[in-house]
Amino acid sequence: AEKQALKKSLMCELAKWIEESKLKQADAADILGVTRPRV
């Protein structure tokens, strides 16, 4: 549960950054070095 809570917190920060930066998932993927499905 503690590890899941930490992951959720990190994911929320990423999702917030994507939203605040007004990025499309493909653009966020390029910046983050992952695929669009990962975003």
Full PDB file with SEQRES, HELIX, SHEET, SSBOND, CRYST1, ORIGX, SCALE, CONECT and MASTER records, all heavy atoms in Angstrom:
SEQRES   1 A   39  ALA GLU LYS GLN ALA LEU LYS LYS SER LEU MET CYS GLU          
SEQRES   2 A   39  LEU ALA LYS TRP ILE GLU GLU SER LYS LEU LYS GLN ALA          
SEQRES   3 A   39  ASP ALA ALA ASP ILE LEU GLY VAL THR ARG PRO ARG VAL          
HELIX    1 AA1 GLU A    2  GLU A   20  1                                  19    
HELIX    2 AA2 GLN A   25  LEU A   32  1                                   8    
CRYST1    1.000    1.000    1.000  90.00  90.00  90.00 P 1           1          
ORIGX1      1.000000  0.000000  0.000000        0.00000                         
ORIGX2      0.000000  1.000000  0.000000        0.00000                         
ORIGX3      0.000000  0.000000  1.000000        0.00000                         
SCALE1      1.000000  0.000000  0.000000        0.00000                         
SCALE2      0.000000  1.000000  0.000000        0.00000                         
SCALE3      0.000000  0.000000  1.000000        0.00000                         
ATOM      1  N   ALA A   1       0.824  -1.209   0.000  1.00  0.00           N  
ATOM      2  CA  ALA A   1       0.000   0.000   0.000  1.00  0.00           C  
ATOM      3  C   ALA A   1       0.859   1.259   0.000  1.00  0.00           C  
ATOM      4  O   ALA A   1       0.548   2.234  -0.698  1.00  0.00           O  
ATOM      5  CB  ALA A   1      -0.941  -0.002   1.204  1.00  0.00           C  
ATOM      6  N   GLU A   2       1.949   1.257   0.760  1.00  0.00           N  
ATOM      7  CA  GLU A   2       2.844   2.418   0.790  1.00  0.00           C  
ATOM      8  C   GLU A   2       3.501   2.644  -0.567  1.00  0.00           C  
ATOM      9  O   GLU A   2       3.603   3.778  -1.040  1.00  0.00           O  
ATOM     10  CB  GLU A   2       3.899   2.264   1.874  1.00  0.00           C  
ATOM     11  CG  GLU A   2       3.369   2.526   3.259  1.00  0.00           C  
ATOM     12  CD  GLU A   2       4.452   2.540   4.327  1.00  0.00           C  
ATOM     13  OE1 GLU A   2       5.648   2.700   3.977  1.00  0.00           O  
ATOM     14  OE2 GLU A   2       4.097   2.400   5.504  1.00  0.00           O  
ATOM     15  N   LYS A   3       3.936   1.588  -1.214  1.00  0.00           N  
ATOM     16  CA  LYS A   3       4.554   1.718  -2.536  1.00  0.00           C  
ATOM     17  C   LYS A   3       3.543   2.199  -3.564  1.00  0.00           C  
ATOM     18  O   LYS A   3       3.852   3.040  -4.410  1.00  0.00           O  
ATOM     19  CB  LYS A   3       5.170   0.388  -2.983  1.00  0.00           C  
ATOM     20  CG  LYS A   3       6.438   0.048  -2.229  1.00  0.00           C  
ATOM     21  CD  LYS A   3       7.014  -1.272  -2.683  1.00  0.00           C  
ATOM     22  CE  LYS A   3       8.234  -1.639  -1.867  1.00  0.00           C  
ATOM     23  NZ  LYS A   3       8.800  -2.925  -2.278  1.00  0.00           N  
ATOM     24  N   GLN A   4       2.322   1.696  -3.490  1.00  0.00           N  
ATOM     25  CA  GLN A   4       1.288   2.138  -4.416  1.00  0.00           C  
ATOM     26  C   GLN A   4       0.959   3.616  -4.192  1.00  0.00           C  
ATOM     27  O   GLN A   4       0.757   4.355  -5.156  1.00  0.00           O  
ATOM     28  CB  GLN A   4       0.025   1.281  -4.264  1.00  0.00           C  
ATOM     29  CG  GLN A   4       0.193  -0.105  -4.837  1.00  0.00           C  
ATOM     30  CD  GLN A   4      -1.023  -0.984  -4.613  1.00  0.00           C  
ATOM     31  OE1 GLN A   4      -1.857  -0.721  -3.756  1.00  0.00           O  
ATOM     32  NE2 GLN A   4      -1.115  -2.047  -5.382  1.00  0.00           N  
ATOM     33  N   ALA A   5       0.922   4.039  -2.952  1.00  0.00           N  
ATOM     34  CA  ALA A   5       0.640   5.447  -2.654  1.00  0.00           C  
ATOM     35  C   ALA A   5       1.753   6.337  -3.204  1.00  0.00           C  
ATOM     36  O   ALA A   5       1.475   7.421  -3.750  1.00  0.00           O  
ATOM     37  CB  ALA A   5       0.485   5.653  -1.148  1.00  0.00           C  
ATOM     38  N   LEU A   6       2.999   5.898  -3.086  1.00  0.00           N  
ATOM     39  CA  LEU A   6       4.120   6.660  -3.627  1.00  0.00           C  
ATOM     40  C   LEU A   6       4.027   6.744  -5.146  1.00  0.00           C  
ATOM     41  O   LEU A   6       4.186   7.816  -5.735  1.00  0.00           O  
ATOM     42  CB  LEU A   6       5.440   6.035  -3.196  1.00  0.00           C  
ATOM     43  CG  LEU A   6       6.719   6.718  -3.662  1.00  0.00           C  
ATOM     44  CD1 LEU A   6       6.735   8.196  -3.282  1.00  0.00           C  
ATOM     45  CD2 LEU A   6       7.922   6.009  -3.083  1.00  0.00           C  
ATOM     46  N   LYS A   7       3.717   5.633  -5.795  1.00  0.00           N  
ATOM     47  CA  LYS A   7       3.563   5.640  -7.252  1.00  0.00           C  
ATOM     48  C   LYS A   7       2.436   6.579  -7.669  1.00  0.00           C  
ATOM     49  O   LYS A   7       2.579   7.342  -8.626  1.00  0.00           O  
ATOM     50  CB  LYS A   7       3.279   4.227  -7.772  1.00  0.00           C  
ATOM     51  CG  LYS A   7       4.468   3.303  -7.766  1.00  0.00           C  
ATOM     52  CD  LYS A   7       4.039   1.967  -8.355  1.00  0.00           C  
ATOM     53  CE  LYS A   7       5.104   0.928  -8.273  1.00  0.00           C  
ATOM     54  NZ  LYS A   7       4.660  -0.334  -8.911  1.00  0.00           N  
ATOM     55  N   LYS A   8       1.307   6.507  -6.975  1.00  0.00           N  
ATOM     56  CA  LYS A   8       0.177   7.375  -7.308  1.00  0.00           C  
ATOM     57  C   LYS A   8       0.550   8.840  -7.168  1.00  0.00           C  
ATOM     58  O   LYS A   8       0.176   9.664  -8.014  1.00  0.00           O  
ATOM     59  CB  LYS A   8      -1.027   7.041  -6.418  1.00  0.00           C  
ATOM     60  CG  LYS A   8      -1.692   5.742  -6.774  1.00  0.00           C  
ATOM     61  CD  LYS A   8      -2.840   5.420  -5.831  1.00  0.00           C  
ATOM     62  CE  LYS A   8      -3.432   4.059  -6.127  1.00  0.00           C  
ATOM     63  NZ  LYS A   8      -4.519   3.712  -5.204  1.00  0.00           N  
ATOM     64  N   SER A   9       1.296   9.165  -6.139  1.00  0.00           N  
ATOM     65  CA  SER A   9       1.737  10.548  -5.938  1.00  0.00           C  
ATOM     66  C   SER A   9       2.642  11.013  -7.078  1.00  0.00           C  
ATOM     67  O   SER A   9       2.469  12.117  -7.617  1.00  0.00           O  
ATOM     68  CB  SER A   9       2.473  10.656  -4.598  1.00  0.00           C  
ATOM     69  OG  SER A   9       2.971  11.955  -4.408  1.00  0.00           O  
ATOM     70  N   LEU A  10       3.593  10.176  -7.472  1.00  0.00           N  
ATOM     71  CA  LEU A  10       4.491  10.520  -8.572  1.00  0.00           C  
ATOM     72  C   LEU A  10       3.713  10.660  -9.878  1.00  0.00           C  
ATOM     73  O   LEU A  10       3.951  11.585 -10.666  1.00  0.00           O  
ATOM     74  CB  LEU A  10       5.589   9.461  -8.709  1.00  0.00           C  
ATOM     75  CG  LEU A  10       6.573   9.355  -7.539  1.00  0.00           C  
ATOM     76  CD1 LEU A  10       7.435   8.111  -7.675  1.00  0.00           C  
ATOM     77  CD2 LEU A  10       7.421  10.603  -7.411  1.00  0.00           C  
ATOM     78  N   MET A  11       2.763   9.765 -10.099  1.00  0.00           N  
ATOM     79  CA  MET A  11       1.963   9.818 -11.320  1.00  0.00           C  
ATOM     80  C   MET A  11       1.091  11.068 -11.354  1.00  0.00           C  
ATOM     81  O   MET A  11       0.912  11.674 -12.412  1.00  0.00           O  
ATOM     82  CB  MET A  11       1.110   8.560 -11.455  1.00  0.00           C  
ATOM     83  CG  MET A  11       1.938   7.329 -11.716  1.00  0.00           C  
ATOM     84  SD  MET A  11       0.970   5.833 -11.794  1.00  0.00           S  
ATOM     85  CE  MET A  11       0.540   5.864 -13.518  1.00  0.00           C  
ATOM     86  N   CYS A  12       0.556  11.447 -10.218  1.00  0.00           N  
ATOM     87  CA  CYS A  12      -0.252  12.678 -10.149  1.00  0.00           C  
ATOM     88  C   CYS A  12       0.587  13.894 -10.524  1.00  0.00           C  
ATOM     89  O   CYS A  12       0.114  14.788 -11.223  1.00  0.00           O  
ATOM     90  CB  CYS A  12      -0.853  12.859  -8.761  1.00  0.00           C  
ATOM     91  SG  CYS A  12      -2.266  11.793  -8.445  1.00  0.00           S  
ATOM     92  N   GLU A  13       1.823  13.924 -10.064  1.00  0.00           N  
ATOM     93  CA  GLU A  13       2.719  15.032 -10.407  1.00  0.00           C  
ATOM     94  C   GLU A  13       2.983  15.073 -11.908  1.00  0.00           C  
ATOM     95  O   GLU A  13       3.002  16.144 -12.515  1.00  0.00           O  
ATOM     96  CB  GLU A  13       4.034  14.934  -9.634  1.00  0.00           C  
ATOM     97  CG  GLU A  13       3.920  15.274  -8.167  1.00  0.00           C  
ATOM     98  CD  GLU A  13       3.471  16.710  -7.931  1.00  0.00           C  
ATOM     99  OE1 GLU A  13       3.926  17.622  -8.652  1.00  0.00           O  
ATOM    100  OE2 GLU A  13       2.647  16.914  -7.024  1.00  0.00           O  
ATOM    101  N   LEU A  14       3.198  13.915 -12.500  1.00  0.00           N  
ATOM    102  CA  LEU A  14       3.415  13.859 -13.947  1.00  0.00           C  
ATOM    103  C   LEU A  14       2.165  14.303 -14.711  1.00  0.00           C  
ATOM    104  O   LEU A  14       2.264  15.102 -15.653  1.00  0.00           O  
ATOM    105  CB  LEU A  14       3.799  12.442 -14.379  1.00  0.00           C  
ATOM    106  CG  LEU A  14       5.251  12.053 -14.193  1.00  0.00           C  
ATOM    107  CD1 LEU A  14       5.431  10.560 -14.329  1.00  0.00           C  
ATOM    108  CD2 LEU A  14       6.133  12.795 -15.182  1.00  0.00           C  
ATOM    109  N   ALA A  15       1.022  13.801 -14.315  1.00  0.00           N  
ATOM    110  CA  ALA A  15      -0.225  14.167 -14.990  1.00  0.00           C  
ATOM    111  C   ALA A  15      -0.488  15.664 -14.852  1.00  0.00           C  
ATOM    112  O   ALA A  15      -0.923  16.317 -15.809  1.00  0.00           O  
ATOM    113  CB  ALA A  15      -1.389  13.366 -14.422  1.00  0.00           C  
ATOM    114  N   LYS A  16      -0.196  16.212 -13.679  1.00  0.00           N  
ATOM    115  CA  LYS A  16      -0.376  17.650 -13.449  1.00  0.00           C  
ATOM    116  C   LYS A  16       0.558  18.458 -14.353  1.00  0.00           C  
ATOM    117  O   LYS A  16       0.148  19.455 -14.948  1.00  0.00           O  
ATOM    118  CB  LYS A  16      -0.107  17.964 -11.972  1.00  0.00           C  
ATOM    119  CG  LYS A  16      -0.416  19.386 -11.563  1.00  0.00           C  
ATOM    120  CD  LYS A  16      -0.346  19.506 -10.057  1.00  0.00           C  
ATOM    121  CE  LYS A  16       0.884  20.282  -9.683  1.00  0.00           C  
ATOM    122  NZ  LYS A  16       1.034  20.474  -8.233  1.00  0.00           N  
ATOM    123  N   TRP A  17       1.799  18.010 -14.469  1.00  0.00           N  
ATOM    124  CA  TRP A  17       2.770  18.697 -15.333  1.00  0.00           C  
ATOM    125  C   TRP A  17       2.297  18.683 -16.780  1.00  0.00           C  
ATOM    126  O   TRP A  17       2.367  19.700 -17.480  1.00  0.00           O  
ATOM    127  CB  TRP A  17       4.145  18.028 -15.200  1.00  0.00           C  
ATOM    128  CG  TRP A  17       5.137  18.479 -16.223  1.00  0.00           C  
ATOM    129  CD1 TRP A  17       5.819  19.657 -16.240  1.00  0.00           C  
ATOM    130  CD2 TRP A  17       5.529  17.769 -17.407  1.00  0.00           C  
ATOM    131  NE1 TRP A  17       6.626  19.718 -17.352  1.00  0.00           N  
ATOM    132  CE2 TRP A  17       6.455  18.569 -18.085  1.00  0.00           C  
ATOM    133  CE3 TRP A  17       5.185  16.533 -17.938  1.00  0.00           C  
ATOM    134  CZ2 TRP A  17       7.055  18.168 -19.276  1.00  0.00           C  
ATOM    135  CZ3 TRP A  17       5.779  16.136 -19.124  1.00  0.00           C  
ATOM    136  CH2 TRP A  17       6.696  16.950 -19.768  1.00  0.00           C  
ATOM    137  N   ILE A  18       1.802  17.542 -17.246  1.00  0.00           N  
ATOM    138  CA  ILE A  18       1.306  17.431 -18.618  1.00  0.00           C  
ATOM    139  C   ILE A  18       0.144  18.394 -18.837  1.00  0.00           C  
ATOM    140  O   ILE A  18       0.101  19.121 -19.831  1.00  0.00           O  
ATOM    141  CB  ILE A  18       0.889  15.975 -18.938  1.00  0.00           C  
ATOM    142  CG1 ILE A  18       2.131  15.071 -18.967  1.00  0.00           C  
ATOM    143  CG2 ILE A  18       0.126  15.893 -20.247  1.00  0.00           C  
ATOM    144  CD1 ILE A  18       1.821  13.581 -18.940  1.00  0.00           C  
ATOM    145  N   GLU A  19      -0.789  18.412 -17.889  1.00  0.00           N  
ATOM    146  CA  GLU A  19      -1.966  19.279 -18.011  1.00  0.00           C  
ATOM    147  C   GLU A  19      -1.579  20.760 -17.958  1.00  0.00           C  
ATOM    148  O   GLU A  19      -2.017  21.550 -18.798  1.00  0.00           O  
ATOM    149  CB  GLU A  19      -2.961  18.964 -16.895  1.00  0.00           C  
ATOM    150  CG  GLU A  19      -4.249  19.757 -17.015  1.00  0.00           C  
ATOM    151  CD  GLU A  19      -5.230  19.416 -15.905  1.00  0.00           C  
ATOM    152  OE1 GLU A  19      -5.232  18.267 -15.434  1.00  0.00           O  
ATOM    153  OE2 GLU A  19      -5.983  20.318 -15.509  1.00  0.00           O  
ATOM    154  N   GLU A  20      -0.757  21.128 -16.989  1.00  0.00           N  
ATOM    155  CA  GLU A  20      -0.365  22.536 -16.829  1.00  0.00           C  
ATOM    156  C   GLU A  20       0.473  23.023 -18.007  1.00  0.00           C  
ATOM    157  O   GLU A  20       0.421  24.204 -18.353  1.00  0.00           O  
ATOM    158  CB  GLU A  20       0.388  22.738 -15.521  1.00  0.00           C  
ATOM    159  CG  GLU A  20      -0.503  22.635 -14.303  1.00  0.00           C  
ATOM    160  CD  GLU A  20       0.267  22.722 -12.995  1.00  0.00           C  
ATOM    161  OE1 GLU A  20       1.528  22.712 -13.015  1.00  0.00           O  
ATOM    162  OE2 GLU A  20      -0.400  22.793 -11.956  1.00  0.00           O  
ATOM    163  N   SER A  21       1.240  22.125 -18.592  1.00  0.00           N  
ATOM    164  CA  SER A  21       2.066  22.484 -19.746  1.00  0.00           C  
ATOM    165  C   SER A  21       1.269  22.445 -21.049  1.00  0.00           C  
ATOM    166  O   SER A  21       1.808  22.778 -22.104  1.00  0.00           O  
ATOM    167  CB  SER A  21       3.255  21.522 -19.865  1.00  0.00           C  
ATOM    168  OG  SER A  21       4.052  21.562 -18.711  1.00  0.00           O  
ATOM    169  N   LYS A  22       0.017  22.011 -20.945  1.00  0.00           N  
ATOM    170  CA  LYS A  22      -0.878  21.902 -22.100  1.00  0.00           C  
ATOM    171  C   LYS A  22      -0.246  21.060 -23.216  1.00  0.00           C  
ATOM    172  O   LYS A  22      -0.311  21.403 -24.392  1.00  0.00           O  
ATOM    173  CB  LYS A  22      -1.283  23.284 -22.601  1.00  0.00           C  
ATOM    174  CG  LYS A  22      -2.099  24.073 -21.596  1.00  0.00           C  
ATOM    175  CD  LYS A  22      -2.470  25.423 -22.134  1.00  0.00           C  
ATOM    176  CE  LYS A  22      -3.334  26.273 -21.256  1.00  0.00           C  
ATOM    177  NZ  LYS A  22      -3.310  26.182 -19.858  1.00  0.00           N  
ATOM    178  N   LEU A  23       0.357  19.958 -22.803  1.00  0.00           N  
ATOM    179  CA  LEU A  23       1.026  19.078 -23.756  1.00  0.00           C  
ATOM    180  C   LEU A  23       0.086  17.999 -24.262  1.00  0.00           C  
ATOM    181  O   LEU A  23      -0.741  17.483 -23.510  1.00  0.00           O  
ATOM    182  CB  LEU A  23       2.219  18.386 -23.086  1.00  0.00           C  
ATOM    183  CG  LEU A  23       3.400  19.254 -22.700  1.00  0.00           C  
ATOM    184  CD1 LEU A  23       4.361  18.449 -21.840  1.00  0.00           C  
ATOM    185  CD2 LEU A  23       4.096  19.787 -23.928  1.00  0.00           C  
ATOM    186  N   LYS A  24       0.235  17.664 -25.527  1.00  0.00           N  
ATOM    187  CA  LYS A  24      -0.421  16.478 -26.050  1.00  0.00           C  
ATOM    188  C   LYS A  24       0.392  15.283 -25.563  1.00  0.00           C  
ATOM    189  O   LYS A  24       1.593  15.407 -25.281  1.00  0.00           O  
ATOM    190  CB  LYS A  24      -0.449  16.517 -27.577  1.00  0.00           C  
ATOM    191  CG  LYS A  24      -1.325  17.624 -28.119  1.00  0.00           C  
ATOM    192  CD  LYS A  24      -1.343  17.614 -29.621  1.00  0.00           C  
ATOM    193  CE  LYS A  24      -2.247  18.761 -30.109  1.00  0.00           C  
ATOM    194  NZ  LYS A  24      -2.270  18.838 -31.554  1.00  0.00           N  
ATOM    195  N   GLN A  25      -0.254  14.133 -25.473  1.00  0.00           N  
ATOM    196  CA  GLN A  25       0.448  12.962 -24.962  1.00  0.00           C  
ATOM    197  C   GLN A  25       1.681  12.619 -25.794  1.00  0.00           C  
ATOM    198  O   GLN A  25       2.709  12.227 -25.246  1.00  0.00           O  
ATOM    199  CB  GLN A  25      -0.498  11.761 -24.872  1.00  0.00           C  
ATOM    200  CG  GLN A  25      -1.503  11.899 -23.749  1.00  0.00           C  
ATOM    201  CD  GLN A  25      -2.330  10.652 -23.555  1.00  0.00           C  
ATOM    202  OE1 GLN A  25      -2.130   9.627 -24.200  1.00  0.00           O  
ATOM    203  NE2 GLN A  25      -3.284  10.730 -22.635  1.00  0.00           N  
ATOM    204  N   ALA A  26       1.608  12.779 -27.091  1.00  0.00           N  
ATOM    205  CA  ALA A  26       2.761  12.482 -27.950  1.00  0.00           C  
ATOM    206  C   ALA A  26       3.927  13.416 -27.646  1.00  0.00           C  
ATOM    207  O   ALA A  26       5.087  12.990 -27.621  1.00  0.00           O  
ATOM    208  CB  ALA A  26       2.372  12.578 -29.416  1.00  0.00           C  
ATOM    209  N   ASP A  27       3.620  14.706 -27.411  1.00  0.00           N  
ATOM    210  CA  ASP A  27       4.678  15.666 -27.080  1.00  0.00           C  
ATOM    211  C   ASP A  27       5.281  15.359 -25.709  1.00  0.00           C  
ATOM    212  O   ASP A  27       6.494  15.437 -25.524  1.00  0.00           O  
ATOM    213  CB  ASP A  27       4.131  17.092 -27.129  1.00  0.00           C  
ATOM    214  CG  ASP A  27       3.679  17.490 -28.522  1.00  0.00           C  
ATOM    215  OD1 ASP A  27       4.267  16.984 -29.505  1.00  0.00           O  
ATOM    216  OD2 ASP A  27       2.722  18.295 -28.634  1.00  0.00           O  
ATOM    217  N   ALA A  28       4.426  15.011 -24.759  1.00  0.00           N  
ATOM    218  CA  ALA A  28       4.917  14.646 -23.426  1.00  0.00           C  
ATOM    219  C   ALA A  28       5.797  13.402 -23.521  1.00  0.00           C  
ATOM    220  O   ALA A  28       6.844  13.328 -22.868  1.00  0.00           O  
ATOM    221  CB  ALA A  28       3.743  14.403 -22.484  1.00  0.00           C  
ATOM    222  N   ALA A  29       5.398  12.457 -24.356  1.00  0.00           N  
ATOM    223  CA  ALA A  29       6.175  11.232 -24.530  1.00  0.00           C  
ATOM    224  C   ALA A  29       7.576  11.537 -25.043  1.00  0.00           C  
ATOM    225  O   ALA A  29       8.562  10.960 -24.568  1.00  0.00           O  
ATOM    226  CB  ALA A  29       5.456  10.281 -25.484  1.00  0.00           C  
ATOM    227  N   ASP A  30       7.679  12.458 -26.001  1.00  0.00           N  
ATOM    228  CA  ASP A  30       8.992  12.836 -26.534  1.00  0.00           C  
ATOM    229  C   ASP A  30       9.871  13.422 -25.437  1.00  0.00           C  
ATOM    230  O   ASP A  30      11.047  13.087 -25.328  1.00  0.00           O  
ATOM    231  CB  ASP A  30       8.845  13.845 -27.670  1.00  0.00           C  
ATOM    232  CG  ASP A  30       8.320  13.226 -28.951  1.00  0.00           C  
ATOM    233  OD1 ASP A  30       8.419  11.988 -29.099  1.00  0.00           O  
ATOM    234  OD2 ASP A  30       7.804  13.979 -29.799  1.00  0.00           O  
ATOM    235  N   ILE A  31       9.307  14.299 -24.633  1.00  0.00           N  
ATOM    236  CA  ILE A  31      10.069  14.936 -23.555  1.00  0.00           C  
ATOM    237  C   ILE A  31      10.467  13.912 -22.490  1.00  0.00           C  
ATOM    238  O   ILE A  31      11.595  13.941 -21.986  1.00  0.00           O  
ATOM    239  CB  ILE A  31       9.242  16.078 -22.912  1.00  0.00           C  
ATOM    240  CG1 ILE A  31       9.029  17.201 -23.934  1.00  0.00           C  
ATOM    241  CG2 ILE A  31       9.928  16.609 -21.653  1.00  0.00           C  
ATOM    242  CD1 ILE A  31       7.980  18.229 -23.526  1.00  0.00           C  
ATOM    243  N   LEU A  32       9.553  13.021 -22.155  1.00  0.00           N  
ATOM    244  CA  LEU A  32       9.788  12.055 -21.085  1.00  0.00           C  
ATOM    245  C   LEU A  32      10.600  10.844 -21.524  1.00  0.00           C  
ATOM    246  O   LEU A  32      11.036  10.046 -20.699  1.00  0.00           O  
ATOM    247  CB  LEU A  32       8.449  11.589 -20.504  1.00  0.00           C  
ATOM    248  CG  LEU A  32       7.578  12.679 -19.890  1.00  0.00           C  
ATOM    249  CD1 LEU A  32       6.226  12.105 -19.469  1.00  0.00           C  
ATOM    250  CD2 LEU A  32       8.281  13.351 -18.724  1.00  0.00           C  
ATOM    251  N   GLY A  33      10.801  10.690 -22.833  1.00  0.00           N  
ATOM    252  CA  GLY A  33      11.584   9.563 -23.328  1.00  0.00           C  
ATOM    253  C   GLY A  33      10.853   8.234 -23.242  1.00  0.00           C  
ATOM    254  O   GLY A  33      11.473   7.190 -23.031  1.00  0.00           O  
ATOM    255  N   VAL A  34       9.524   8.286 -23.385  1.00  0.00           N  
ATOM    256  CA  VAL A  34       8.709   7.078 -23.354  1.00  0.00           C  
ATOM    257  C   VAL A  34       7.752   7.102 -24.542  1.00  0.00           C  
ATOM    258  O   VAL A  34       7.710   8.073 -25.291  1.00  0.00           O  
ATOM    259  CB  VAL A  34       7.907   6.957 -22.031  1.00  0.00           C  
ATOM    260  CG1 VAL A  34       8.834   6.844 -20.837  1.00  0.00           C  
ATOM    261  CG2 VAL A  34       6.959   8.134 -21.845  1.00  0.00           C  
ATOM    262  N   THR A  35       6.975   6.049 -24.701  1.00  0.00           N  
ATOM    263  CA  THR A  35       5.993   6.020 -25.779  1.00  0.00           C  
ATOM    264  C   THR A  35       4.712   6.744 -25.356  1.00  0.00           C  
ATOM    265  O   THR A  35       4.467   6.941 -24.164  1.00  0.00           O  
ATOM    266  CB  THR A  35       5.641   4.568 -26.147  1.00  0.00           C  
ATOM    267  OG1 THR A  35       5.035   3.943 -25.006  1.00  0.00           O  
ATOM    268  CG2 THR A  35       6.877   3.796 -26.589  1.00  0.00           C  
ATOM    269  N   ARG A  36       3.897   7.095 -26.347  1.00  0.00           N  
ATOM    270  CA  ARG A  36       2.628   7.757 -26.039  1.00  0.00           C  
ATOM    271  C   ARG A  36       1.716   6.866 -25.194  1.00  0.00           C  
ATOM    272  O   ARG A  36       1.089   7.341 -24.249  1.00  0.00           O  
ATOM    273  CB  ARG A  36       1.923   8.220 -27.327  1.00  0.00           C  
ATOM    274  CG  ARG A  36       0.854   9.252 -27.022  1.00  0.00           C  
ATOM    275  CD  ARG A  36      -0.483   9.016 -27.700  1.00  0.00           C  
ATOM    276  NE  ARG A  36      -0.890   7.688 -27.977  1.00  0.00           N  
ATOM    277  CZ  ARG A  36      -1.675   6.952 -27.161  1.00  0.00           C  
ATOM    278  NH1 ARG A  36      -2.077   7.409 -26.003  1.00  0.00           N  
ATOM    279  NH2 ARG A  36      -2.027   5.737 -27.515  1.00  0.00           N  
ATOM    280  N   PRO A  37       1.658   5.542 -25.467  1.00  0.00           N  
ATOM    281  CA  PRO A  37       0.841   4.699 -24.597  1.00  0.00           C  
ATOM    282  C   PRO A  37       1.293   4.710 -23.127  1.00  0.00           C  
ATOM    283  O   PRO A  37       0.476   4.603 -22.219  1.00  0.00           O  
ATOM    284  CB  PRO A  37       0.978   3.298 -25.208  1.00  0.00           C  
ATOM    285  CG  PRO A  37       1.258   3.559 -26.655  1.00  0.00           C  
ATOM    286  CD  PRO A  37       2.115   4.799 -26.656  1.00  0.00           C  
ATOM    287  N   ARG A  38       2.597   4.868 -22.904  1.00  0.00           N  
ATOM    288  CA  ARG A  38       3.095   4.958 -21.518  1.00  0.00           C  
ATOM    289  C   ARG A  38       2.582   6.237 -20.858  1.00  0.00           C  
ATOM    290  O   ARG A  38       2.226   6.232 -19.683  1.00  0.00           O  
ATOM    291  CB  ARG A  38       4.621   4.927 -21.472  1.00  0.00           C  
ATOM    292  CG  ARG A  38       5.235   3.619 -21.886  1.00  0.00           C  
ATOM    293  CD  ARG A  38       5.028   2.504 -20.905  1.00  0.00           C  
ATOM    294  NE  ARG A  38       5.981   2.597 -19.810  1.00  0.00           N  
ATOM    295  CZ  ARG A  38       5.898   1.903 -18.691  1.00  0.00           C  
ATOM    296  NH1 ARG A  38       4.925   1.050 -18.507  1.00  0.00           N  
ATOM    297  NH2 ARG A  38       6.795   2.028 -17.744  1.00  0.00           N  
ATOM    298  N   VAL A  39       2.547   7.326 -21.614  1.00  0.00           N  
ATOM    299  CA  VAL A  39       2.007   8.577 -21.077  1.00  0.00           C  
ATOM    300  C   VAL A  39       0.527   8.390 -20.767  1.00  0.00           C  
ATOM    301  O   VAL A  39       0.035   8.838 -19.723  1.00  0.00           O  
ATOM    302  CB  VAL A  39       2.231   9.759 -22.047  1.00  0.00           C  
ATOM    303  CG1 VAL A  39       1.508  11.006 -21.566  1.00  0.00           C  
ATOM    304  CG2 VAL A  39       3.727  10.032 -22.206  1.00  0.00           C  
TER     305      VAL A  39                                                      
MASTER        0    0    0    2    0    0    0    6  304    1    0    3          
END                                                                             
